[in-house]
């Protein structure tokens, strides 16, 4: 998933460079219009991101839900190993907890980066020096600005967005479940 997100981010960065080239061409009175290419490519990027999000939505949903429960389990087992002074088990559980937490962070961070890059593209289209463009091209930017208001997002089963906020919710939920497990076990 990180590879797909990295690819989409790279394509959005290329689009921002094309936007800058379009303004430079207009300043230099070159007739080459990059706007149709930019709009076409942006629609292609959004389609690509939508396909990736569709393909990954079940995986992301399962990853978030199972990781929440597994992190909680590792926390509980770590406490039990600490009480029993079983250092080998404690090391195993803590290592597993770190691995799962890091994996969840990478997934959520990738989703966050995709949204962030989409927002940067939206800001770039909004902040472009449109006054240096011919009137018709400046008006055509409205379409691009409208499309870029909704950056691509990764979703977990169409229920929640994959982002750093989701990661913090997973960590908080795991501690809530840990408290529940400790209460039930006592």
C-alpha atoms as a PDB file:
ATOM      1  CA  UNK A   1       0.000   0.000   0.000  1.00  0.00           C
ATOM      2  CA  UNK A   2       2.871   2.352   0.747  1.00  0.00           C
ATOM      3  CA  UNK A   3       4.163   1.825  -2.783  1.00  0.00           C
ATOM      4  CA  UNK A   4       0.775   2.689  -4.296  1.00  0.00           C
ATOM      5  CA  UNK A   5       0.487   5.785  -2.131  1.00  0.00           C
ATOM      6  CA  UNK A   6       4.041   6.836  -3.003  1.00  0.00           C
ATOM      7  CA  UNK A   7       3.219   6.486  -6.688  1.00  0.00           C
ATOM      8  CA  UNK A   8       0.066   8.606  -6.346  1.00  0.00           C
ATOM      9  CA  UNK A   9       2.011  11.253  -4.396  1.00  0.00           C
ATOM     10  CA  UNK A  10       4.664  11.358  -7.105  1.00  0.00           C
ATOM     11  CA  UNK A  11       2.033  11.835  -9.797  1.00  0.00           C
ATOM     12  CA  UNK A  12       0.487  14.713  -7.812  1.00  0.00           C
ATOM     13  CA  UNK A  13       3.905  16.352  -7.461  1.00  0.00           C
ATOM     14  CA  UNK A  14       4.364  16.122 -11.231  1.00  0.00           C
ATOM     15  CA  UNK A  15       0.986  17.812 -11.651  1.00  0.00           C
ATOM     16  CA  UNK A  16       2.104  20.681  -9.419  1.00  0.00           C
ATOM     17  CA  UNK A  17       5.228  21.100 -11.558  1.00  0.00           C
ATOM     18  CA  UNK A  18       3.045  21.180 -14.681  1.00  0.00           C
ATOM     19  CA  UNK A  19       0.914  23.911 -13.088  1.00  0.00           C
ATOM     20  CA  UNK A  20       4.033  26.007 -12.531  1.00  0.00           C
ATOM     21  CA  UNK A  21       5.153  25.367 -16.117  1.00  0.00           C
ATOM     22  CA  UNK A  22       1.758  26.503 -17.369  1.00  0.00           C
ATOM     23  CA  UNK A  23       2.161  29.868 -15.637  1.00  0.00           C
ATOM     24  CA  UNK A  24       5.737  30.244 -16.896  1.00  0.00           C
ATOM     25  CA  UNK A  25       4.566  29.505 -20.464  1.00  0.00           C
ATOM     26  CA  UNK A  26       1.815  32.120 -20.121  1.00  0.00           C
ATOM     27  CA  UNK A  27       4.311  34.711 -18.832  1.00  0.00           C
ATOM     28  CA  UNK A  28       6.590  34.024 -21.802  1.00  0.00           C
ATOM     29  CA  UNK A  29       3.637  34.195 -24.233  1.00  0.00           C
ATOM     30  CA  UNK A  30       4.075  30.616 -25.345  1.00  0.00           C
ATOM     31  CA  UNK A  31       0.915  29.116 -26.803  1.00  0.00           C
ATOM     32  CA  UNK A  32       1.434  25.661 -25.358  1.00  0.00           C
ATOM     33  CA  UNK A  33      -1.549  24.942 -23.119  1.00  0.00           C
ATOM     34  CA  UNK A  34      -0.922  22.443 -20.359  1.00  0.00           C
ATOM     35  CA  UNK A  35      -4.330  22.790 -18.703  1.00  0.00           C
ATOM     36  CA  UNK A  36      -6.077  19.998 -20.650  1.00  0.00           C
ATOM     37  CA  UNK A  37      -3.169  17.681 -19.845  1.00  0.00           C
ATOM     38  CA  UNK A  38      -3.227  18.671 -16.175  1.00  0.00           C
ATOM     39  CA  UNK A  39      -6.989  18.114 -15.852  1.00  0.00           C
ATOM     40  CA  UNK A  40      -6.782  14.795 -17.684  1.00  0.00           C
ATOM     41  CA  UNK A  41      -3.862  13.607 -15.578  1.00  0.00           C
ATOM     42  CA  UNK A  42      -5.544  14.726 -12.368  1.00  0.00           C
ATOM     43  CA  UNK A  43      -8.668  12.751 -13.206  1.00  0.00           C
ATOM     44  CA  UNK A  44      -6.399   9.771 -13.911  1.00  0.00           C
ATOM     45  CA  UNK A  45      -4.665  10.193 -10.541  1.00  0.00           C
ATOM     46  CA  UNK A  46      -8.002  10.370  -8.740  1.00  0.00           C
ATOM     47  CA  UNK A  47      -9.154   7.243 -10.566  1.00  0.00           C
ATOM     48  CA  UNK A  48      -5.933   5.466  -9.629  1.00  0.00           C
ATOM     49  CA  UNK A  49      -6.271   6.485  -5.979  1.00  0.00           C
ATOM     50  CA  UNK A  50      -9.908   5.392  -5.972  1.00  0.00           C
ATOM     51  CA  UNK A  51      -8.962   1.969  -7.346  1.00  0.00           C
ATOM     52  CA  UNK A  52      -6.199   1.550  -4.775  1.00  0.00           C
ATOM     53  CA  UNK A  53      -8.575   2.608  -1.997  1.00  0.00           C
ATOM     54  CA  UNK A  54     -11.208   0.159  -3.247  1.00  0.00           C
ATOM     55  CA  UNK A  55      -8.714  -2.697  -3.467  1.00  0.00           C
ATOM     56  CA  UNK A  56      -7.281  -1.994  -0.033  1.00  0.00           C
ATOM     57  CA  UNK A  57     -10.409  -1.100   1.937  1.00  0.00           C
ATOM     58  CA  UNK A  58     -11.065  -4.595   3.316  1.00  0.00           C
ATOM     59  CA  UNK A  59      -7.389  -5.120   4.077  1.00  0.00           C
ATOM     60  CA  UNK A  60      -7.225  -1.783   5.891  1.00  0.00           C
ATOM     61  CA  UNK A  61     -10.393  -2.559   7.849  1.00  0.00           C
ATOM     62  CA  UNK A  62      -9.091  -5.929   8.960  1.00  0.00           C
ATOM     63  CA  UNK A  63      -5.663  -4.526   9.722  1.00  0.00           C
ATOM     64  CA  UNK A  64      -7.046  -1.804  11.972  1.00  0.00           C
ATOM     65  CA  UNK A  65      -9.525  -3.997  13.834  1.00  0.00           C
ATOM     66  CA  UNK A  66      -7.242  -6.974  14.338  1.00  0.00           C
ATOM     67  CA  UNK A  67      -4.254  -4.815  15.214  1.00  0.00           C
ATOM     68  CA  UNK A  68      -6.310  -3.023  17.860  1.00  0.00           C
ATOM     69  CA  UNK A  69      -7.210  -6.332  19.475  1.00  0.00           C
ATOM     70  CA  UNK A  70      -3.734  -7.804  19.094  1.00  0.00           C
ATOM     71  CA  UNK A  71      -2.062  -4.736  20.580  1.00  0.00           C
ATOM     72  CA  UNK A  72      -4.436  -4.977  23.519  1.00  0.00           C
ATOM     73  CA  UNK A  73      -3.613  -8.674  23.910  1.00  0.00           C
ATOM     74  CA  UNK A  74       0.127  -8.009  23.764  1.00  0.00           C
ATOM     75  CA  UNK A  75      -0.232  -5.287  26.382  1.00  0.00           C
ATOM     76  CA  UNK A  76      -2.186  -7.606  28.672  1.00  0.00           C
ATOM     77  CA  UNK A  77       0.230 -10.501  28.188  1.00  0.00           C
ATOM     78  CA  UNK A  78       3.165  -8.161  28.838  1.00  0.00           C
ATOM     79  CA  UNK A  79       1.646  -7.149  32.157  1.00  0.00           C
ATOM     80  CA  UNK A  80       1.079 -10.801  33.054  1.00  0.00           C
ATOM     81  CA  UNK A  81       4.675 -11.698  32.095  1.00  0.00           C
ATOM     82  CA  UNK A  82       5.938  -8.751  34.154  1.00  0.00           C
ATOM     83  CA  UNK A  83       3.981  -9.979  37.183  1.00  0.00           C
ATOM     84  CA  UNK A  84       5.324 -13.517  36.715  1.00  0.00           C
ATOM     85  CA  UNK A  85       8.876 -12.183  36.145  1.00  0.00           C
ATOM     86  CA  UNK A  86       9.095 -14.108  32.858  1.00  0.00           C
ATOM     87  CA  UNK A  87      11.601 -11.964  30.973  1.00  0.00           C
ATOM     88  CA  UNK A  88      11.676 -14.091  27.819  1.00  0.00           C
ATOM     89  CA  UNK A  89       7.905 -13.910  27.421  1.00  0.00           C
ATOM     90  CA  UNK A  90       7.956 -10.217  28.304  1.00  0.00           C
ATOM     91  CA  UNK A  91      10.563  -9.528  25.616  1.00  0.00           C
ATOM     92  CA  UNK A  92       8.552 -11.497  23.064  1.00  0.00           C
ATOM     93  CA  UNK A  93       5.312  -9.664  23.862  1.00  0.00           C
ATOM     94  CA  UNK A  94       6.922  -6.233  23.906  1.00  0.00           C
ATOM     95  CA  UNK A  95       8.683  -6.967  20.597  1.00  0.00           C
ATOM     96  CA  UNK A  96       5.393  -8.097  19.059  1.00  0.00           C
ATOM     97  CA  UNK A  97       3.653  -5.012  20.428  1.00  0.00           C
ATOM     98  CA  UNK A  98       6.298  -2.723  18.916  1.00  0.00           C
ATOM     99  CA  UNK A  99       6.100  -4.532  15.573  1.00  0.00           C
ATOM    100  CA  UNK A 100       2.312  -4.305  15.365  1.00  0.00           C
ATOM    101  CA  UNK A 101       2.260  -0.688  16.487  1.00  0.00           C
ATOM    102  CA  UNK A 102       4.904   0.272  13.931  1.00  0.00           C
ATOM    103  CA  UNK A 103       3.053  -1.577  11.151  1.00  0.00           C
ATOM    104  CA  UNK A 104      -0.179   0.201  12.029  1.00  0.00           C
ATOM    105  CA  UNK A 105       1.625   3.545  12.118  1.00  0.00           C
ATOM    106  CA  UNK A 106       3.111   2.994   8.644  1.00  0.00           C
ATOM    107  CA  UNK A 107      -0.295   2.179   7.161  1.00  0.00           C
ATOM    108  CA  UNK A 108      -1.962   5.180   8.797  1.00  0.00           C
ATOM    109  CA  UNK A 109       0.914   7.487   7.886  1.00  0.00           C
ATOM    110  CA  UNK A 110       0.707   6.418   4.238  1.00  0.00           C
ATOM    111  CA  UNK A 111      -2.994   7.276   4.185  1.00  0.00           C
ATOM    112  CA  UNK A 112      -2.249  10.614   5.815  1.00  0.00           C
ATOM    113  CA  UNK A 113       0.475  11.410   3.263  1.00  0.00           C
ATOM    114  CA  UNK A 114      -1.917  10.750   0.379  1.00  0.00           C
ATOM    115  CA  UNK A 115      -4.485  13.179   1.773  1.00  0.00           C
ATOM    116  CA  UNK A 116      -1.772  15.737   2.527  1.00  0.00           C
ATOM    117  CA  UNK A 117      -0.394  15.597  -1.027  1.00  0.00           C
ATOM    118  CA  UNK A 118      -3.904  15.938  -2.461  1.00  0.00           C
ATOM    119  CA  UNK A 119      -4.455  19.004  -0.282  1.00  0.00           C
ATOM    120  CA  UNK A 120      -1.114  20.463  -1.425  1.00  0.00           C
ATOM    121  CA  UNK A 121      -2.227  20.072  -5.036  1.00  0.00           C
ATOM    122  CA  UNK A 122      -5.490  21.810  -4.192  1.00  0.00           C
ATOM    123  CA  UNK A 123      -3.597  24.677  -2.580  1.00  0.00           C
ATOM    124  CA  UNK A 124      -1.258  24.865  -5.582  1.00  0.00           C
ATOM    125  CA  UNK A 125      -4.199  25.177  -7.991  1.00  0.00           C
ATOM    126  CA  UNK A 126      -5.830  27.785  -5.758  1.00  0.00           C
ATOM    127  CA  UNK A 127      -2.643  29.808  -5.235  1.00  0.00           C
ATOM    128  CA  UNK A 128      -1.461  29.698  -8.844  1.00  0.00           C
ATOM    129  CA  UNK A 129      -0.695  33.053 -10.453  1.00  0.00           C
ATOM    130  CA  UNK A 130      -3.904  32.914 -12.460  1.00  0.00           C
ATOM    131  CA  UNK A 131      -3.672  36.614 -13.289  1.00  0.00           C
ATOM    132  CA  UNK A 132      -0.737  35.807 -15.601  1.00  0.00           C
ATOM    133  CA  UNK A 133      -2.900  33.420 -17.617  1.00  0.00           C
ATOM    134  CA  UNK A 134      -5.198  34.328 -20.506  1.00  0.00           C
ATOM    135  CA  UNK A 135      -8.781  34.933 -19.356  1.00  0.00           C
ATOM    136  CA  UNK A 136     -10.178  31.677 -20.783  1.00  0.00           C
ATOM    137  CA  UNK A 137      -7.469  29.550 -19.139  1.00  0.00           C
ATOM    138  CA  UNK A 138      -7.944  31.325 -15.819  1.00  0.00           C
ATOM    139  CA  UNK A 139     -11.659  30.520 -15.952  1.00  0.00           C
ATOM    140  CA  UNK A 140     -10.894  26.897 -16.777  1.00  0.00           C
ATOM    141  CA  UNK A 141      -8.907  26.636 -13.539  1.00  0.00           C
ATOM    142  CA  UNK A 142     -12.214  26.723 -11.658  1.00  0.00           C
ATOM    143  CA  UNK A 143     -12.848  23.107 -12.722  1.00  0.00           C
ATOM    144  CA  UNK A 144      -9.471  22.009 -11.423  1.00  0.00           C
ATOM    145  CA  UNK A 145      -9.929  23.890  -8.158  1.00  0.00           C
ATOM    146  CA  UNK A 146     -13.341  22.286  -7.703  1.00  0.00           C
ATOM    147  CA  UNK A 147     -12.033  18.779  -8.325  1.00  0.00           C
ATOM    148  CA  UNK A 148      -9.039  19.250  -6.032  1.00  0.00           C
ATOM    149  CA  UNK A 149     -11.211  20.268  -3.069  1.00  0.00           C
ATOM    150  CA  UNK A 150     -11.742  16.560  -2.397  1.00  0.00           C
ATOM    151  CA  UNK A 151      -8.330  14.901  -2.014  1.00  0.00           C
ATOM    152  CA  UNK A 152      -8.041  11.117  -2.392  1.00  0.00           C
ATOM    153  CA  UNK A 153      -8.408   9.147   0.839  1.00  0.00           C
ATOM    154  CA  UNK A 154      -7.827   5.594   1.944  1.00  0.00           C
ATOM    155  CA  UNK A 155     -10.734   4.111   3.821  1.00  0.00           C
ATOM    156  CA  UNK A 156     -11.055   1.116   6.095  1.00  0.00           C
ATOM    157  CA  UNK A 157     -14.103  -0.781   4.842  1.00  0.00           C
ATOM    158  CA  UNK A 158     -15.867   2.484   3.941  1.00  0.00           C
ATOM    159  CA  UNK A 159     -16.228   3.049   7.683  1.00  0.00           C
ATOM    160  CA  UNK A 160     -13.239   5.141   8.719  1.00  0.00           C
ATOM    161  CA  UNK A 161     -10.441   7.065   7.063  1.00  0.00           C
ATOM    162  CA  UNK A 162      -6.915   5.688   7.325  1.00  0.00           C
ATOM    163  CA  UNK A 163      -4.918   8.529   8.903  1.00  0.00           C
ATOM    164  CA  UNK A 164      -2.838   9.453  11.917  1.00  0.00           C
ATOM    165  CA  UNK A 165      -6.099  10.145  13.771  1.00  0.00           C
ATOM    166  CA  UNK A 166      -7.039   6.515  13.156  1.00  0.00           C
ATOM    167  CA  UNK A 167      -3.685   5.414  14.547  1.00  0.00           C
ATOM    168  CA  UNK A 168      -4.220   7.415  17.722  1.00  0.00           C
ATOM    169  CA  UNK A 169      -7.721   5.923  18.009  1.00  0.00           C
ATOM    170  CA  UNK A 170      -6.253   2.417  17.699  1.00  0.00           C
ATOM    171  CA  UNK A 171      -3.756   3.094  20.486  1.00  0.00           C
ATOM    172  CA  UNK A 172      -6.406   4.654  22.719  1.00  0.00           C
ATOM    173  CA  UNK A 173      -8.814   1.784  22.036  1.00  0.00           C
ATOM    174  CA  UNK A 174      -6.171  -0.798  22.824  1.00  0.00           C
ATOM    175  CA  UNK A 175      -5.634   0.772  26.251  1.00  0.00           C
ATOM    176  CA  UNK A 176      -9.382   0.887  26.866  1.00  0.00           C
ATOM    177  CA  UNK A 177      -9.625  -2.826  26.009  1.00  0.00           C
ATOM    178  CA  UNK A 178      -6.599  -3.472  28.226  1.00  0.00           C
ATOM    179  CA  UNK A 179      -8.383  -1.847  31.159  1.00  0.00           C
ATOM    180  CA  UNK A 180     -11.449  -3.936  30.371  1.00  0.00           C
ATOM    181  CA  UNK A 181      -9.373  -7.142  30.290  1.00  0.00           C
ATOM    182  CA  UNK A 182      -7.729  -6.285  33.614  1.00  0.00           C
ATOM    183  CA  UNK A 183     -11.097  -5.539  35.202  1.00  0.00           C
ATOM    184  CA  UNK A 184     -12.627  -8.783  33.969  1.00  0.00           C
ATOM    185  CA  UNK A 185      -9.559 -10.856  34.944  1.00  0.00           C
ATOM    186  CA  UNK A 186      -9.545  -9.609  38.545  1.00  0.00           C
END
